[in-house]
Amino acid sequence: MNLFRLDASILPGTSSSARIADLAEAEWTAAHPGGAVVRRHLGTDPLPAQAWVDATVAGFTAEDERTEGQADAVALAAVLAEELQAADAAILAVPLYNYGVSQHFKTWADLVIAGAGPTTPVLKGTPTVLVTTLGGGYGPGAPREGWDHSTPYLERVLGDIWGADLTVVKRELTLAATTPGMESLREIAEEQHVRAQSAAREAGRALAGA
């Protein structure tokens, strides 16, 4: 069995998304002690942004006319796509940054699409857990309701384009515990934290049994 694990936090030492994703991974590894885990950390080992441009342009360039950069980008895109296609299960930990996904994650997703093709379901039927964390609150009635432009994009790419059997574990208000002015939200934030932890363990058990 092969688990693909992706992290996108730029602060791995204090990452809320990683800690919650760890709970899901622990359930999977407990059920598959001999399983392999393929890891990719976009925050600590970001992909070169130019690679997507080179891989895309290479698609319109004869193979013997491609530059070295284009050839390298095509090879990288193929590797990234294969990592997903080879996975029996997947866990992705992706925080919200500036109301969307990070440039690191976007580059990775674009390269996978370049490597596999824009309509190839690289995760077709693959049980996949998306853990996403948000510093503020974006739900109904919140001052910034509707400002979460990350989660819908992630669901569209992972579920609708790539065909994953997707479970989303979402935690908001991760900054409430340390940010002045958010003191009144700390109790709600802790409740969300507890629910997200429970949901991650449950998702991990389902992932393991799929």
Protein backbone atom coordinates (compact mmCIF):
# COMPACT_ATOMS: atom_id res chain seq x y z
CA MET A 1 0.00 0.00 0.00
CA ASN A 2 1.18 3.47 -0.89
CA LEU A 3 0.15 6.72 0.84
CA PHE A 4 0.90 10.10 -0.72
CA ARG A 5 1.27 12.91 1.84
CA LEU A 6 1.55 16.55 0.82
CA ASP A 7 2.12 19.56 3.09
CA ALA A 8 1.97 23.18 2.03
CA SER A 9 2.60 25.16 5.24
CA ILE A 10 5.43 27.69 5.11
CA LEU A 11 5.80 27.32 8.91
CA PRO A 12 6.24 23.56 9.38
CA GLY A 13 7.30 23.84 13.01
CA THR A 14 3.98 25.37 14.05
CA SER A 15 1.68 24.10 11.30
CA SER A 16 -1.91 23.49 12.39
CA SER A 17 -2.72 21.73 9.14
CA ALA A 18 0.23 19.35 9.54
CA ARG A 19 -0.68 18.42 13.11
CA ILE A 20 -4.25 17.57 12.12
CA ALA A 21 -3.08 15.67 9.04
CA ASP A 22 -0.69 13.72 11.28
CA LEU A 23 -3.71 12.27 13.09
CA ALA A 24 -5.16 10.93 9.85
CA GLU A 25 -1.79 9.57 8.77
CA ALA A 26 -1.31 7.81 12.11
CA GLU A 27 -4.56 5.90 11.57
CA TRP A 28 -3.44 4.84 8.09
CA THR A 29 0.03 3.72 9.18
CA ALA A 30 -1.39 1.80 12.13
CA ALA A 31 -3.52 -0.20 9.70
CA HIS A 32 -0.70 -0.55 7.14
CA PRO A 33 2.54 -0.86 9.13
CA GLY A 34 4.43 -2.06 6.06
CA GLY A 35 3.01 0.59 3.76
CA ALA A 36 5.11 3.19 1.99
CA VAL A 37 4.58 6.91 2.52
CA VAL A 38 5.65 9.24 -0.28
CA ARG A 39 6.08 12.76 1.08
CA ARG A 40 6.26 16.12 -0.61
CA HIS A 41 6.56 19.34 1.39
CA LEU A 42 5.93 22.41 -0.71
CA GLY A 43 6.68 24.84 2.12
CA THR A 44 10.19 23.61 2.88
CA ASP A 45 11.01 22.33 -0.61
CA PRO A 46 9.09 24.57 -3.03
CA LEU A 47 8.95 23.83 -6.71
CA PRO A 48 10.41 26.42 -9.11
CA ALA A 49 7.60 28.66 -10.36
CA GLN A 50 9.20 28.89 -13.79
CA ALA A 51 8.84 25.12 -14.19
CA TRP A 52 5.14 25.41 -14.97
CA VAL A 53 5.78 27.96 -17.70
CA ASP A 54 8.55 25.80 -19.18
CA ALA A 55 6.44 22.63 -19.04
CA THR A 56 3.47 24.37 -20.66
CA VAL A 57 5.51 25.94 -23.45
CA ALA A 58 7.28 22.62 -24.00
CA GLY A 59 3.92 21.10 -24.84
CA PHE A 60 3.83 23.29 -27.94
CA THR A 61 7.48 22.70 -28.82
CA ALA A 62 8.98 19.79 -30.71
CA GLU A 63 10.90 17.53 -28.34
CA ASP A 64 14.21 18.02 -30.15
CA GLU A 65 13.76 21.80 -30.02
CA ARG A 66 13.07 22.11 -26.29
CA THR A 67 15.49 23.98 -24.06
CA GLU A 68 17.16 22.24 -21.14
CA GLY A 69 14.80 24.07 -18.79
CA GLN A 70 11.78 22.88 -20.73
CA ALA A 71 12.99 19.28 -20.78
CA ASP A 72 13.63 19.38 -17.04
CA ALA A 73 10.19 20.88 -16.39
CA VAL A 74 8.46 18.20 -18.44
CA ALA A 75 10.30 15.51 -16.49
CA LEU A 76 9.39 17.14 -13.16
CA ALA A 77 5.72 17.43 -14.14
CA ALA A 78 5.67 13.75 -15.08
CA VAL A 79 7.14 12.77 -11.70
CA LEU A 80 4.57 14.84 -9.80
CA ALA A 81 1.68 13.35 -11.75
CA GLU A 82 3.01 9.82 -11.24
CA GLU A 83 3.24 10.34 -7.47
CA LEU A 84 -0.52 10.87 -7.39
CA GLN A 85 -1.42 8.18 -9.90
CA ALA A 86 0.61 5.61 -7.94
CA ALA A 87 -1.06 6.40 -4.61
CA ASP A 88 -3.54 4.02 -3.00
CA ALA A 89 -4.53 6.82 -0.61
CA ALA A 90 -3.65 10.49 -0.17
CA ILE A 91 -3.52 13.11 2.57
CA LEU A 92 -3.03 16.79 1.76
CA ALA A 93 -2.49 19.47 4.41
CA VAL A 94 -3.13 22.87 2.84
CA PRO A 95 -3.57 26.10 4.82
CA LEU A 96 -5.31 29.20 3.52
CA TYR A 97 -3.00 32.12 2.75
CA ASN A 98 -4.30 35.57 1.80
CA TYR A 99 -7.76 34.10 1.19
CA GLY A 100 -6.48 31.49 -1.28
CA VAL A 101 -3.92 28.73 -1.74
CA SER A 102 -0.21 29.50 -1.58
CA GLN A 103 1.85 30.05 -4.70
CA HIS A 104 3.70 26.84 -3.77
CA PHE A 105 0.54 24.75 -3.93
CA LYS A 106 -0.69 26.45 -7.10
CA THR A 107 2.63 25.73 -8.84
CA TRP A 108 2.41 22.08 -7.78
CA ALA A 109 -1.18 21.70 -8.99
CA ASP A 110 -0.39 23.40 -12.29
CA LEU A 111 2.61 21.13 -12.85
CA VAL A 112 0.56 18.02 -12.11
CA ILE A 113 -1.96 19.19 -14.69
CA ALA A 114 0.85 19.86 -17.16
CA GLY A 115 2.29 16.40 -16.55
CA ALA A 116 -0.94 14.42 -16.65
CA GLY A 117 -3.08 16.51 -18.94
CA PRO A 118 -5.84 18.97 -18.03
CA THR A 119 -8.63 16.38 -17.85
CA THR A 120 -6.76 13.34 -16.53
CA PRO A 121 -8.26 12.11 -13.23
CA VAL A 122 -4.94 11.36 -11.52
CA LEU A 123 -6.72 10.52 -8.25
CA LYS A 124 -9.71 8.71 -9.77
CA GLY A 125 -11.43 6.77 -6.99
CA THR A 126 -8.47 7.28 -4.64
CA PRO A 127 -9.55 7.86 -1.01
CA THR A 128 -8.18 11.29 -0.22
CA VAL A 129 -8.25 13.42 2.92
CA LEU A 130 -7.85 17.18 2.54
CA VAL A 131 -6.97 18.97 5.76
CA THR A 132 -7.32 22.71 5.40
CA THR A 133 -6.85 25.35 8.09
CA LEU A 134 -7.84 29.00 8.15
CA GLY A 135 -6.62 31.67 10.54
CA GLY A 136 -9.90 33.56 10.64
CA GLY A 137 -13.59 32.77 10.37
CA TYR A 138 -15.30 32.68 6.99
CA GLY A 139 -18.54 30.86 7.69
CA PRO A 140 -22.14 32.13 7.59
CA GLY A 141 -22.56 35.37 9.50
CA ALA A 142 -18.83 36.09 9.80
CA PRO A 143 -17.64 39.56 8.72
CA ARG A 144 -15.60 37.90 5.97
CA GLU A 145 -18.10 35.29 4.93
CA GLY A 146 -17.29 34.18 1.41
CA TRP A 147 -13.66 35.28 1.54
CA ASP A 148 -12.39 31.70 1.61
CA HIS A 149 -11.29 31.28 -2.00
CA SER A 150 -9.11 28.29 -1.14
CA THR A 151 -11.48 25.49 -0.11
CA PRO A 152 -13.75 25.67 -3.19
CA TYR A 153 -10.69 25.66 -5.46
CA LEU A 154 -9.20 22.66 -3.67
CA GLU A 155 -12.45 20.74 -3.88
CA ARG A 156 -12.75 21.56 -7.58
CA VAL A 157 -9.23 20.41 -8.41
CA LEU A 158 -8.99 17.35 -6.16
CA GLY A 159 -12.54 16.11 -6.51
CA ASP A 160 -13.96 17.37 -9.78
CA ILE A 161 -10.85 17.43 -11.99
CA TRP A 162 -8.70 14.72 -10.44
CA GLY A 163 -11.58 12.46 -9.40
CA ALA A 164 -10.55 11.86 -5.79
CA ASP A 165 -12.90 10.18 -3.33
CA LEU A 166 -12.57 13.29 -1.18
CA THR A 167 -13.10 13.93 2.52
CA VAL A 168 -12.51 17.49 3.76
CA VAL A 169 -11.40 18.23 7.32
CA LYS A 170 -11.58 21.98 7.92
CA ARG A 171 -10.52 24.04 10.91
CA GLU A 172 -11.07 27.79 11.12
CA LEU A 173 -9.93 30.42 13.66
CA THR A 174 -6.43 28.97 14.13
CA LEU A 175 -5.11 32.46 14.96
CA ALA A 176 -7.63 33.15 17.72
CA ALA A 177 -5.42 31.79 20.49
CA THR A 178 -2.58 34.23 19.80
CA THR A 179 -4.08 37.24 18.03
CA PRO A 180 -5.19 40.36 19.95
CA GLY A 181 -8.79 41.23 19.25
CA MET A 182 -9.81 37.61 18.75
CA GLU A 183 -10.14 36.77 22.45
CA SER A 184 -13.93 36.41 22.26
CA LEU A 185 -13.52 33.72 19.59
CA ARG A 186 -11.15 31.48 21.50
CA GLU A 187 -13.79 29.16 22.93
CA ILE A 188 -15.32 28.66 19.48
CA ALA A 189 -11.85 28.17 18.03
CA GLU A 190 -11.06 25.43 20.54
CA GLU A 191 -14.34 23.69 19.77
CA GLN A 192 -13.44 23.75 16.08
CA HIS A 193 -10.00 22.36 16.91
CA VAL A 194 -11.46 19.44 18.84
CA ARG A 195 -13.95 18.70 16.05
CA ALA A 196 -11.21 18.82 13.42
CA GLN A 197 -9.04 16.43 15.41
CA SER A 198 -11.90 13.97 15.76
CA ALA A 199 -12.79 14.31 12.07
CA ALA A 200 -9.17 13.70 11.08
CA ARG A 201 -8.96 10.49 13.09
CA GLU A 202 -12.26 9.30 11.64
CA ALA A 203 -11.12 10.18 8.11
CA GLY A 204 -7.83 8.39 8.70
CA ARG A 205 -9.63 5.22 9.79
CA ALA A 206 -11.83 5.39 6.69
CA LEU A 207 -8.74 5.97 4.55
CA ALA A 208 -7.07 2.93 6.06
CA GLY A 209 -10.07 0.71 5.45
CA ALA A 210 -10.78 1.84 1.91
